[in-house]
Amino acid sequence: MAHRARLPGLFLLFALAIFAWSASLVLAQTAETTADIVRQLKGLEALPELDVAVLRQQAAERIKSRVDVVALKRPPLSRELNRLPHVNLAIQFNPDTPVIRPESYSLLGRIADALYDPALMSSAFLIIGRTESAGKRDYNLMLSQRRAEAIRDALVTTFKVSSKRLMAVGLGEEQLLDAEHPKAAVNQQALIVTVK
């Protein structure tokens, strides 16, 4: 009888092990190599007409406008961002904080290595924080700004990338990666865009 009581527990452990293994495969498939990051960030043909302060102001004004467009129908704040050399990166944070999780530092290291690549050494970059469409839009905007700044600060302090080459802006849920699924976790990915 004791043997049968252990079967559900063993099954649960087996199921958890399979889940952890499959999750690690998914993470491994989405992890960017330094070469991938360099390839995606190089090739800026002309200087964009982007003003970080204006982007930040537009995001704040859109939220305050009282016109709450459903996230699925909300146009991106800047279509130009998607036309510039960019890379989406799944940097993990502690829930509802700008604290970068330790497992994301290897990805930050690859980003720093890419930014030191000769093909990108004369370039400048905009780090954009984003969130999924859950909770209050003004909170998401503030959290995404703090997360973008945390990424910039980690690259500057830990990996010694020049602060003159990095800017940070949070766009909250106003620049969704997957507008068809506004609450999808993929919308939390940071975006790094070549701007110079």
N, C-alpha and C. Protein backbone atom coordinates (compact mmCIF):
# COMPACT_ATOMS: atom_id res chain seq x y z
N MET A 1 0.82 -1.20 0.00
CA MET A 1 0.00 0.00 0.00
C MET A 1 0.86 1.26 0.00
N ALA A 2 1.97 1.24 0.77
CA ALA A 2 2.87 2.39 0.81
C ALA A 2 3.49 2.63 -0.56
N HIS A 3 3.72 1.54 -1.29
CA HIS A 3 4.30 1.65 -2.63
C HIS A 3 3.38 2.43 -3.57
N ARG A 4 2.08 2.18 -3.49
CA ARG A 4 1.12 2.90 -4.33
C ARG A 4 1.01 4.36 -3.95
N ALA A 5 1.18 4.69 -2.68
CA ALA A 5 1.09 6.08 -2.23
C ALA A 5 2.24 6.91 -2.79
N ARG A 6 3.38 6.29 -3.08
CA ARG A 6 4.53 7.02 -3.61
C ARG A 6 4.42 7.27 -5.11
N LEU A 7 3.60 6.52 -5.82
CA LEU A 7 3.49 6.68 -7.27
C LEU A 7 3.07 8.07 -7.70
N PRO A 8 2.02 8.67 -7.09
CA PRO A 8 1.67 10.04 -7.52
C PRO A 8 2.80 11.03 -7.27
N GLY A 9 3.52 10.88 -6.16
CA GLY A 9 4.65 11.76 -5.87
C GLY A 9 5.76 11.61 -6.89
N LEU A 10 6.07 10.37 -7.25
CA LEU A 10 7.10 10.11 -8.25
C LEU A 10 6.67 10.66 -9.62
N PHE A 11 5.39 10.46 -9.94
CA PHE A 11 4.89 10.99 -11.21
C PHE A 11 5.03 12.51 -11.25
N LEU A 12 4.70 13.18 -10.13
CA LEU A 12 4.81 14.63 -10.06
C LEU A 12 6.27 15.06 -10.24
N LEU A 13 7.19 14.39 -9.58
CA LEU A 13 8.61 14.71 -9.74
C LEU A 13 9.07 14.52 -11.18
N PHE A 14 8.63 13.44 -11.80
CA PHE A 14 8.98 13.17 -13.19
C PHE A 14 8.43 14.27 -14.10
N ALA A 15 7.18 14.67 -13.89
CA ALA A 15 6.56 15.72 -14.70
C ALA A 15 7.29 17.05 -14.53
N LEU A 16 7.69 17.37 -13.28
CA LEU A 16 8.43 18.60 -13.04
C LEU A 16 9.79 18.57 -13.73
N ALA A 17 10.45 17.42 -13.70
CA ALA A 17 11.76 17.29 -14.36
C ALA A 17 11.62 17.49 -15.87
N ILE A 18 10.59 16.91 -16.47
CA ILE A 18 10.35 17.08 -17.91
C ILE A 18 10.08 18.55 -18.22
N PHE A 19 9.27 19.21 -17.39
CA PHE A 19 8.96 20.62 -17.60
C PHE A 19 10.22 21.47 -17.53
N ALA A 20 11.05 21.24 -16.52
CA ALA A 20 12.29 22.01 -16.37
C ALA A 20 13.21 21.79 -17.56
N TRP A 21 13.31 20.56 -18.02
CA TRP A 21 14.16 20.24 -19.16
C TRP A 21 13.66 20.95 -20.42
N SER A 22 12.33 20.90 -20.66
CA SER A 22 11.80 21.54 -21.87
C SER A 22 11.93 23.05 -21.79
N ALA A 23 11.77 23.63 -20.58
CA ALA A 23 11.94 25.07 -20.43
C ALA A 23 13.38 25.48 -20.71
N SER A 24 14.34 24.65 -20.27
CA SER A 24 15.74 24.98 -20.54
C SER A 24 16.04 24.91 -22.03
N LEU A 25 15.39 23.99 -22.76
CA LEU A 25 15.57 23.93 -24.20
C LEU A 25 15.04 25.18 -24.88
N VAL A 26 13.89 25.66 -24.44
CA VAL A 26 13.31 26.87 -25.02
C VAL A 26 14.23 28.05 -24.77
N LEU A 27 14.75 28.18 -23.54
CA LEU A 27 15.65 29.27 -23.23
C LEU A 27 16.92 29.18 -24.07
N ALA A 28 17.43 27.96 -24.24
CA ALA A 28 18.64 27.79 -25.03
C ALA A 28 18.40 28.18 -26.48
N GLN A 29 17.22 27.91 -26.99
CA GLN A 29 16.93 28.24 -28.38
C GLN A 29 16.78 29.75 -28.60
N THR A 30 16.35 30.48 -27.57
CA THR A 30 16.14 31.91 -27.75
C THR A 30 17.34 32.74 -27.33
N ALA A 31 18.35 32.10 -26.70
CA ALA A 31 19.53 32.84 -26.27
C ALA A 31 20.29 33.34 -27.48
N GLU A 32 20.70 34.59 -27.44
CA GLU A 32 21.43 35.21 -28.52
C GLU A 32 22.93 35.02 -28.30
N THR A 33 23.66 34.71 -29.35
CA THR A 33 25.11 34.69 -29.28
C THR A 33 25.62 36.10 -29.54
N THR A 34 26.88 36.33 -29.19
CA THR A 34 27.48 37.64 -29.46
C THR A 34 27.44 37.95 -30.95
N ALA A 35 27.75 36.95 -31.77
CA ALA A 35 27.74 37.16 -33.23
C ALA A 35 26.34 37.52 -33.73
N ASP A 36 25.29 36.88 -33.17
CA ASP A 36 23.91 37.22 -33.55
C ASP A 36 23.59 38.67 -33.21
N ILE A 37 24.01 39.08 -32.01
CA ILE A 37 23.73 40.45 -31.57
C ILE A 37 24.42 41.46 -32.48
N VAL A 38 25.71 41.19 -32.79
CA VAL A 38 26.46 42.10 -33.68
C VAL A 38 25.77 42.17 -35.04
N ARG A 39 25.42 41.02 -35.59
CA ARG A 39 24.79 40.99 -36.92
C ARG A 39 23.49 41.79 -36.94
N GLN A 40 22.70 41.70 -35.88
CA GLN A 40 21.41 42.40 -35.86
C GLN A 40 21.56 43.89 -35.60
N LEU A 41 22.63 44.31 -34.92
CA LEU A 41 22.79 45.72 -34.58
C LEU A 41 23.59 46.53 -35.59
N LYS A 42 24.31 45.87 -36.48
CA LYS A 42 25.11 46.64 -37.43
C LYS A 42 24.29 46.96 -38.68
N GLY A 43 24.76 47.93 -39.44
CA GLY A 43 24.11 48.23 -40.70
C GLY A 43 23.22 49.46 -40.68
N LEU A 44 23.43 50.36 -39.72
CA LEU A 44 22.65 51.60 -39.72
C LEU A 44 23.05 52.42 -40.95
N GLU A 45 22.09 52.73 -41.79
CA GLU A 45 22.39 53.42 -43.06
C GLU A 45 22.31 54.93 -42.93
N ALA A 46 21.42 55.43 -42.14
CA ALA A 46 21.29 56.88 -41.96
C ALA A 46 20.87 57.14 -40.52
N LEU A 47 21.27 58.28 -40.01
CA LEU A 47 20.91 58.61 -38.63
C LEU A 47 19.39 58.76 -38.51
N PRO A 48 18.80 58.09 -37.53
CA PRO A 48 17.34 58.18 -37.37
C PRO A 48 16.95 59.52 -36.77
N GLU A 49 15.71 59.86 -36.99
CA GLU A 49 15.18 61.08 -36.40
C GLU A 49 14.44 60.71 -35.12
N LEU A 50 15.22 60.21 -34.17
CA LEU A 50 14.67 59.81 -32.88
C LEU A 50 15.15 60.77 -31.81
N ASP A 51 14.24 61.20 -30.98
CA ASP A 51 14.58 62.03 -29.84
C ASP A 51 14.05 61.28 -28.62
N VAL A 52 14.97 60.83 -27.76
CA VAL A 52 14.58 60.01 -26.61
C VAL A 52 13.61 60.76 -25.70
N ALA A 53 13.88 62.04 -25.45
CA ALA A 53 12.99 62.82 -24.59
C ALA A 53 11.59 62.91 -25.19
N VAL A 54 11.52 63.06 -26.50
CA VAL A 54 10.22 63.14 -27.18
C VAL A 54 9.50 61.79 -27.10
N LEU A 55 10.23 60.68 -27.30
CA LEU A 55 9.62 59.36 -27.16
C LEU A 55 9.01 59.17 -25.77
N ARG A 56 9.79 59.54 -24.75
CA ARG A 56 9.32 59.42 -23.37
C ARG A 56 8.08 60.26 -23.14
N GLN A 57 8.10 61.48 -23.67
CA GLN A 57 6.96 62.39 -23.52
C GLN A 57 5.72 61.85 -24.25
N GLN A 58 5.91 61.32 -25.45
CA GLN A 58 4.79 60.77 -26.21
C GLN A 58 4.14 59.60 -25.47
N ALA A 59 4.96 58.74 -24.87
CA ALA A 59 4.42 57.60 -24.12
C ALA A 59 3.60 58.10 -22.94
N ALA A 60 4.13 59.09 -22.21
CA ALA A 60 3.41 59.63 -21.05
C ALA A 60 2.11 60.32 -21.48
N GLU A 61 2.16 61.06 -22.57
CA GLU A 61 0.96 61.76 -23.04
C GLU A 61 -0.11 60.78 -23.51
N ARG A 62 0.31 59.72 -24.16
CA ARG A 62 -0.65 58.72 -24.63
C ARG A 62 -1.40 58.11 -23.44
N ILE A 63 -0.70 57.86 -22.37
CA ILE A 63 -1.32 57.26 -21.19
C ILE A 63 -2.28 58.25 -20.52
N LYS A 64 -1.90 59.51 -20.47
CA LYS A 64 -2.72 60.53 -19.80
C LYS A 64 -3.91 60.98 -20.64
N SER A 65 -3.95 60.62 -21.91
CA SER A 65 -4.95 61.15 -22.82
C SER A 65 -6.39 60.73 -22.50
N ARG A 66 -6.56 59.81 -21.56
CA ARG A 66 -7.89 59.33 -21.16
C ARG A 66 -8.57 58.51 -22.25
N VAL A 67 -7.97 58.44 -23.42
CA VAL A 67 -8.52 57.59 -24.47
C VAL A 67 -7.81 56.26 -24.31
N ASP A 68 -8.49 55.29 -23.72
CA ASP A 68 -7.86 54.01 -23.45
C ASP A 68 -8.17 53.06 -24.60
N VAL A 69 -7.31 53.07 -25.58
CA VAL A 69 -7.46 52.18 -26.72
C VAL A 69 -7.04 50.78 -26.27
N VAL A 70 -7.82 49.79 -26.63
CA VAL A 70 -7.48 48.42 -26.31
C VAL A 70 -6.09 48.13 -26.86
N ALA A 71 -5.26 47.47 -26.06
CA ALA A 71 -3.87 47.23 -26.44
C ALA A 71 -3.75 46.59 -27.82
N LEU A 72 -4.68 45.73 -28.17
CA LEU A 72 -4.63 45.04 -29.45
C LEU A 72 -4.75 46.03 -30.62
N LYS A 73 -5.45 47.14 -30.40
CA LYS A 73 -5.66 48.11 -31.47
C LYS A 73 -4.76 49.33 -31.34
N ARG A 74 -3.90 49.34 -30.33
CA ARG A 74 -3.03 50.49 -30.09
C ARG A 74 -1.83 50.42 -31.04
N PRO A 75 -1.62 51.45 -31.86
CA PRO A 75 -0.47 51.42 -32.78
C PRO A 75 0.83 51.60 -32.00
N PRO A 76 1.94 51.10 -32.55
CA PRO A 76 3.22 51.33 -31.87
C PRO A 76 3.51 52.82 -31.77
N LEU A 77 4.18 53.21 -30.74
CA LEU A 77 4.51 54.61 -30.53
C LEU A 77 5.44 55.13 -31.63
N SER A 78 6.38 54.29 -32.04
CA SER A 78 7.33 54.68 -33.09
C SER A 78 7.56 53.52 -34.03
N ARG A 79 7.07 53.65 -35.24
CA ARG A 79 7.31 52.61 -36.26
C ARG A 79 8.77 52.60 -36.70
N GLU A 80 9.44 53.74 -36.56
CA GLU A 80 10.83 53.84 -36.98
C GLU A 80 11.74 52.89 -36.18
N LEU A 81 11.40 52.64 -34.92
CA LEU A 81 12.23 51.76 -34.09
C LEU A 81 12.39 50.39 -34.72
N ASN A 82 11.33 49.87 -35.32
CA ASN A 82 11.39 48.54 -35.91
C ASN A 82 12.13 48.51 -37.24
N ARG A 83 12.35 49.68 -37.84
CA ARG A 83 13.08 49.74 -39.11
C ARG A 83 14.58 49.92 -38.91
N LEU A 84 14.98 50.25 -37.69
CA LEU A 84 16.40 50.43 -37.38
C LEU A 84 17.02 49.09 -36.99
N PRO A 85 18.35 48.96 -37.12
CA PRO A 85 18.99 47.73 -36.63
C PRO A 85 18.68 47.57 -35.14
N HIS A 86 18.15 46.42 -34.78
CA HIS A 86 17.75 46.20 -33.38
C HIS A 86 17.81 44.73 -33.03
N VAL A 87 17.77 44.47 -31.74
CA VAL A 87 17.72 43.11 -31.23
C VAL A 87 16.80 43.09 -30.01
N ASN A 88 15.93 42.09 -29.95
CA ASN A 88 15.06 41.87 -28.79
C ASN A 88 15.76 40.89 -27.87
N LEU A 89 15.81 41.20 -26.59
CA LEU A 89 16.53 40.37 -25.64
C LEU A 89 15.69 40.07 -24.41
N ALA A 90 15.65 38.81 -24.04
CA ALA A 90 14.86 38.36 -22.89
C ALA A 90 15.68 38.44 -21.61
N ILE A 91 15.85 39.64 -21.12
CA ILE A 91 16.54 39.85 -19.85
C ILE A 91 15.51 39.67 -18.75
N GLN A 92 15.82 38.83 -17.78
CA GLN A 92 14.88 38.50 -16.72
C GLN A 92 15.05 39.44 -15.52
N PHE A 93 13.92 39.88 -14.97
CA PHE A 93 13.91 40.74 -13.79
C PHE A 93 13.11 40.06 -12.69
N ASN A 94 13.41 40.43 -11.44
CA ASN A 94 12.53 40.00 -10.35
C ASN A 94 11.16 40.62 -10.60
N PRO A 95 10.08 39.92 -10.23
CA PRO A 95 8.72 40.43 -10.52
C PRO A 95 8.50 41.85 -9.99
N ASP A 96 7.95 42.69 -10.85
CA ASP A 96 7.58 44.07 -10.52
C ASP A 96 8.73 44.90 -9.97
N THR A 97 9.96 44.59 -10.37
CA THR A 97 11.12 45.37 -9.93
C THR A 97 12.07 45.58 -11.12
N PRO A 98 13.01 46.50 -10.96
CA PRO A 98 14.05 46.66 -11.98
C PRO A 98 15.31 45.86 -11.65
N VAL A 99 15.19 44.89 -10.76
CA VAL A 99 16.34 44.09 -10.34
C VAL A 99 16.56 42.96 -11.36
N ILE A 100 17.71 43.00 -12.01
CA ILE A 100 18.05 41.99 -13.02
C ILE A 100 18.38 40.68 -12.31
N ARG A 101 17.79 39.60 -12.80
CA ARG A 101 18.04 38.28 -12.20
C ARG A 101 19.46 37.82 -12.56
N PRO A 102 20.13 37.13 -11.64
CA PRO A 102 21.52 36.69 -11.88
C PRO A 102 21.72 35.90 -13.17
N GLU A 103 20.74 35.09 -13.56
CA GLU A 103 20.90 34.28 -14.77
C GLU A 103 20.95 35.12 -16.04
N SER A 104 20.58 36.38 -15.97
CA SER A 104 20.62 37.23 -17.15
C SER A 104 21.96 37.92 -17.35
N TYR A 105 22.87 37.80 -16.38
CA TYR A 105 24.16 38.47 -16.53
C TYR A 105 25.02 37.86 -17.64
N SER A 106 24.83 36.59 -17.94
CA SER A 106 25.58 36.02 -19.07
C SER A 106 25.11 36.65 -20.38
N LEU A 107 23.81 36.91 -20.51
CA LEU A 107 23.29 37.59 -21.70
C LEU A 107 23.80 39.03 -21.75
N LEU A 108 23.82 39.71 -20.61
CA LEU A 108 24.37 41.07 -20.58
C LEU A 108 25.84 41.06 -20.99
N GLY A 109 26.57 40.03 -20.59
CA GLY A 109 27.97 39.91 -20.99
C GLY A 109 28.12 39.76 -22.50
N ARG A 110 27.21 38.98 -23.12
CA ARG A 110 27.25 38.83 -24.58
C ARG A 110 26.89 40.14 -25.27
N ILE A 111 25.96 40.89 -24.68
CA ILE A 111 25.61 42.20 -25.24
C ILE A 111 26.84 43.11 -25.18
N ALA A 112 27.50 43.13 -24.03
CA ALA A 112 28.70 43.97 -23.88
C ALA A 112 29.77 43.56 -24.88
N ASP A 113 29.99 42.25 -25.02
CA ASP A 113 30.97 41.78 -26.00
C ASP A 113 30.61 42.26 -27.40
N ALA A 114 29.33 42.23 -27.73
CA ALA A 114 28.88 42.70 -29.05
C ALA A 114 29.14 44.19 -29.21
N LEU A 115 28.90 44.96 -28.15
CA LEU A 115 29.10 46.40 -28.24
C LEU A 115 30.58 46.77 -28.36
N TYR A 116 31.46 45.86 -27.94
CA TYR A 116 32.91 46.06 -28.08
C TYR A 116 33.42 45.56 -29.44
N ASP A 117 32.57 44.91 -30.21
CA ASP A 117 33.00 44.41 -31.52
C ASP A 117 33.40 45.59 -32.40
N PRO A 118 34.48 45.44 -33.19
CA PRO A 118 34.92 46.55 -34.05
C PRO A 118 33.82 47.09 -34.97
N ALA A 119 32.89 46.25 -35.39
CA ALA A 119 31.81 46.70 -36.28
C ALA A 119 30.84 47.65 -35.59
N LEU A 120 30.84 47.64 -34.23
CA LEU A 120 29.89 48.47 -33.50
C LEU A 120 30.54 49.51 -32.60
N MET A 121 31.87 49.54 -32.54
CA MET A 121 32.56 50.41 -31.58
C MET A 121 32.26 51.89 -31.76
N SER A 122 31.94 52.33 -32.96
CA SER A 122 31.66 53.76 -33.17
C SER A 122 30.16 54.06 -33.08
N SER A 123 29.37 53.08 -32.71
CA SER A 123 27.91 53.24 -32.67
C SER A 123 27.41 53.60 -31.27
N ALA A 124 26.21 54.16 -31.23
CA ALA A 124 25.51 54.44 -29.98
C ALA A 124 24.18 53.68 -30.01
N PHE A 125 23.64 53.39 -28.83
CA PHE A 125 22.48 52.50 -28.76
C PHE A 125 21.44 53.04 -27.79
N LEU A 126 20.20 52.74 -28.11
CA LEU A 126 19.07 53.07 -27.25
C LEU A 126 18.53 51.78 -26.67
N ILE A 127 18.49 51.70 -25.36
CA ILE A 127 17.93 50.53 -24.67
C ILE A 127 16.49 50.89 -24.32
N ILE A 128 15.56 50.08 -24.80
CA ILE A 128 14.14 50.35 -24.59
C ILE A 128 13.55 49.28 -23.69
N GLY A 129 13.00 49.72 -22.57
CA GLY A 129 12.29 48.82 -21.68
C GLY A 129 10.83 48.75 -22.10
N ARG A 130 10.26 47.54 -22.01
CA ARG A 130 8.85 47.34 -22.38
C ARG A 130 8.19 46.41 -21.36
N THR A 131 6.88 46.43 -21.35
CA THR A 131 6.12 45.51 -20.51
C THR A 131 4.97 44.94 -21.32
N GLU A 132 4.40 43.86 -20.79
CA GLU A 132 3.19 43.34 -21.39
C GLU A 132 2.03 44.23 -20.95
N SER A 133 0.88 44.04 -21.56
CA SER A 133 -0.28 44.85 -21.26
C SER A 133 -1.08 44.24 -20.12
N ALA A 134 -0.58 44.41 -18.93
CA ALA A 134 -1.26 43.92 -17.72
C ALA A 134 -1.03 44.96 -16.63
N GLY A 135 -2.04 45.24 -15.87
CA GLY A 135 -1.90 46.24 -14.82
C GLY A 135 -2.10 47.65 -15.37
N LYS A 136 -1.68 48.63 -14.60
CA LYS A 136 -1.89 50.03 -14.97
C LYS A 136 -0.82 50.50 -15.93
N ARG A 137 -1.24 51.20 -16.95
CA ARG A 137 -0.32 51.66 -17.98
C ARG A 137 0.74 52.61 -17.44
N ASP A 138 0.37 53.51 -16.51
CA ASP A 138 1.36 54.45 -15.98
C ASP A 138 2.41 53.72 -15.14
N TYR A 139 2.00 52.69 -14.40
CA TYR A 139 2.95 51.89 -13.63
C TYR A 139 3.89 51.14 -14.58
N ASN A 140 3.33 50.58 -15.64
CA ASN A 140 4.15 49.85 -16.62
C ASN A 140 5.18 50.77 -17.27
N LEU A 141 4.79 52.01 -17.54
CA LEU A 141 5.71 52.97 -18.13
C LEU A 141 6.88 53.24 -17.19
N MET A 142 6.56 53.47 -15.92
CA MET A 142 7.60 53.75 -14.93
C MET A 142 8.50 52.54 -14.73
N LEU A 143 7.93 51.35 -14.64
CA LEU A 143 8.71 50.13 -14.44
C LEU A 143 9.62 49.88 -15.64
N SER A 144 9.11 50.08 -16.84
CA SER A 144 9.94 49.85 -18.03
C SER A 144 11.10 50.84 -18.10
N GLN A 145 10.90 52.08 -17.65
CA GLN A 145 11.99 53.06 -17.61
C GLN A 145 13.07 52.60 -16.64
N ARG A 146 12.66 52.17 -15.47
CA ARG A 146 13.62 51.72 -14.46
C ARG A 146 14.37 50.47 -14.93
N ARG A 147 13.70 49.60 -15.66
CA ARG A 147 14.37 48.41 -16.17
C ARG A 147 15.36 48.75 -17.28
N ALA A 148 14.99 49.66 -18.16
CA ALA A 148 15.93 50.08 -19.21
C ALA A 148 17.17 50.71 -18.58
N GLU A 149 16.96 51.53 -17.55
CA GLU A 149 18.08 52.14 -16.85
C GLU A 149 18.93 51.09 -16.14
N ALA A 150 18.31 50.05 -15.59
CA ALA A 150 19.06 48.99 -14.92
C ALA A 150 19.95 48.25 -15.91
N ILE A 151 19.45 48.01 -17.12
CA ILE A 151 20.26 47.36 -18.15
C ILE A 151 21.44 48.25 -18.52
N ARG A 152 21.16 49.53 -18.76
CA ARG A 152 22.23 50.47 -19.10
C ARG A 152 23.27 50.53 -17.98
N ASP A 153 22.80 50.66 -16.74
CA ASP A 153 23.72 50.75 -15.61
C ASP A 153 24.57 49.50 -15.46
N ALA A 154 23.98 48.33 -15.69
CA ALA A 154 24.76 47.08 -15.60
C ALA A 154 25.82 47.03 -16.69
N LEU A 155 25.48 47.45 -17.90
CA LEU A 155 26.45 47.46 -18.99
C LEU A 155 27.59 48.44 -18.70
N VAL A 156 27.27 49.57 -18.08
CA VAL A 156 28.27 50.59 -17.78
C VAL A 156 29.13 50.18 -16.58
N THR A 157 28.51 49.78 -15.49
CA THR A 157 29.28 49.53 -14.27
C THR A 157 29.94 48.15 -14.25
N THR A 158 29.22 47.13 -14.67
CA THR A 158 29.76 45.78 -14.61
C THR A 158 30.65 45.46 -15.81
N PHE A 159 30.23 45.91 -17.00
CA PHE A 159 30.93 45.51 -18.23
C PHE A 159 31.72 46.65 -18.87
N LYS A 160 31.73 47.84 -18.22
CA LYS A 160 32.56 48.98 -18.62
C LYS A 160 32.30 49.50 -20.04
N VAL A 161 31.06 49.39 -20.50
CA VAL A 161 30.67 50.01 -21.77
C VAL A 161 30.53 51.51 -21.49
N SER A 162 31.01 52.34 -22.37
CA SER A 162 30.95 53.79 -22.17
C SER A 162 29.50 54.26 -22.06
N SER A 163 29.23 55.04 -21.03
CA SER A 163 27.88 55.57 -20.84
C SER A 163 27.50 56.53 -21.96
N LYS A 164 28.50 57.08 -22.67
CA LYS A 164 28.21 57.99 -23.78
C LYS A 164 27.59 57.26 -24.97
N ARG A 165 27.71 55.95 -24.99
CA ARG A 165 27.19 55.16 -26.12
C ARG A 165 25.80 54.59 -25.83
N LEU A 166 25.28 54.78 -24.61
CA LEU A 166 24.03 54.13 -24.22
C LEU A 166 23.02 55.13 -23.68
N MET A 167 21.80 55.05 -24.20
CA MET A 167 20.68 55.81 -23.67
C MET A 167 19.60 54.81 -23.27
N ALA A 168 18.73 55.21 -22.39
CA ALA A 168 17.67 54.30 -21.93
C ALA A 168 16.33 55.03 -21.91
N VAL A 169 15.30 54.32 -22.36
CA VAL A 169 13.94 54.87 -22.30
C VAL A 169 12.98 53.71 -22.06
N GLY A 170 11.97 53.95 -21.27
CA GLY A 170 10.92 52.96 -21.05
C GLY A 170 9.68 53.36 -21.82
N LEU A 171 9.13 52.41 -22.55
CA LEU A 171 7.90 52.69 -23.31
C LEU A 171 6.73 51.87 -22.80
N GLY A 172 6.92 51.17 -21.69
CA GLY A 172 5.82 50.41 -21.11
C GLY A 172 5.18 49.48 -22.11
N GLU A 173 3.88 49.54 -22.21
CA GLU A 173 3.13 48.70 -23.15
C GLU A 173 2.76 49.46 -24.42
N GLU A 174 3.43 50.58 -24.67
CA GLU A 174 3.10 51.41 -25.82
C GLU A 174 3.85 50.98 -27.08
N GLN A 175 4.75 49.99 -26.97
CA GLN A 175 5.53 49.52 -28.12
C GLN A 175 5.60 47.99 -28.02
N LEU A 176 4.44 47.34 -28.12
CA LEU A 176 4.36 45.89 -27.94
C LEU A 176 5.10 45.15 -29.03
N LEU A 177 5.81 44.11 -28.64
CA LEU A 177 6.48 43.25 -29.61
C LEU A 177 5.46 42.36 -30.31
N ASP A 178 4.50 41.84 -29.54
CA ASP A 178 3.45 40.98 -30.08
C ASP A 178 2.10 41.61 -29.77
N ALA A 179 1.68 42.54 -30.64
CA ALA A 179 0.42 43.25 -30.42
C ALA A 179 -0.79 42.34 -30.52
N GLU A 180 -0.66 41.20 -31.21
CA GLU A 180 -1.76 40.25 -31.31
C GLU A 180 -2.06 39.59 -29.96
N HIS A 181 -1.03 39.53 -29.10
CA HIS A 181 -1.15 38.92 -27.77
C HIS A 181 -0.55 39.89 -26.75
N PRO A 182 -1.26 40.97 -26.42
CA PRO A 182 -0.69 42.03 -25.60
C PRO A 182 -0.27 41.61 -24.20
N LYS A 183 -0.81 40.50 -23.69
CA LYS A 183 -0.43 40.06 -22.34
C LYS A 183 0.65 38.99 -22.36
N ALA A 184 1.18 38.68 -23.54
CA ALA A 184 2.21 37.65 -23.67
C ALA A 184 3.51 38.12 -23.03
N ALA A 185 4.21 37.18 -22.40
CA ALA A 185 5.47 37.50 -21.72
C ALA A 185 6.53 38.04 -22.68
N VAL A 186 6.45 37.69 -23.96
CA VAL A 186 7.44 38.16 -24.93
C VAL A 186 7.46 39.69 -25.01
N ASN A 187 6.37 40.33 -24.64
CA ASN A 187 6.29 41.79 -24.68
C ASN A 187 7.15 42.46 -23.61
N GLN A 188 7.70 41.68 -22.69
CA GLN A 188 8.59 42.22 -21.66
C GLN A 188 10.03 42.31 -22.14
N GLN A 189 10.32 41.78 -23.33
CA GLN A 189 11.70 41.78 -23.80
C GLN A 189 12.21 43.20 -24.01
N ALA A 190 13.46 43.40 -23.63
CA ALA A 190 14.11 44.68 -23.87
C ALA A 190 14.46 44.78 -25.35
N LEU A 191 14.54 45.97 -25.83
CA LEU A 191 14.89 46.22 -27.22
C LEU A 191 16.14 47.10 -27.21
N ILE A 192 17.15 46.70 -27.97
CA ILE A 192 18.32 47.55 -28.14
C ILE A 192 18.38 47.96 -29.60
N VAL A 193 18.44 49.28 -29.81
CA VAL A 193 18.38 49.84 -31.16
C VAL A 193 19.64 50.65 -31.43
N THR A 194 20.20 50.46 -32.62
CA THR A 194 21.35 51.27 -33.03
C THR A 194 20.84 52.63 -33.49
N VAL A 195 21.34 53.70 -32.87
CA VAL A 195 20.84 55.04 -33.20
C VAL A 195 21.92 55.96 -33.73
N LYS A 196 23.17 55.49 -33.76
CA LYS A 196 24.26 56.33 -34.30
C LYS A 196 25.36 55.44 -34.84
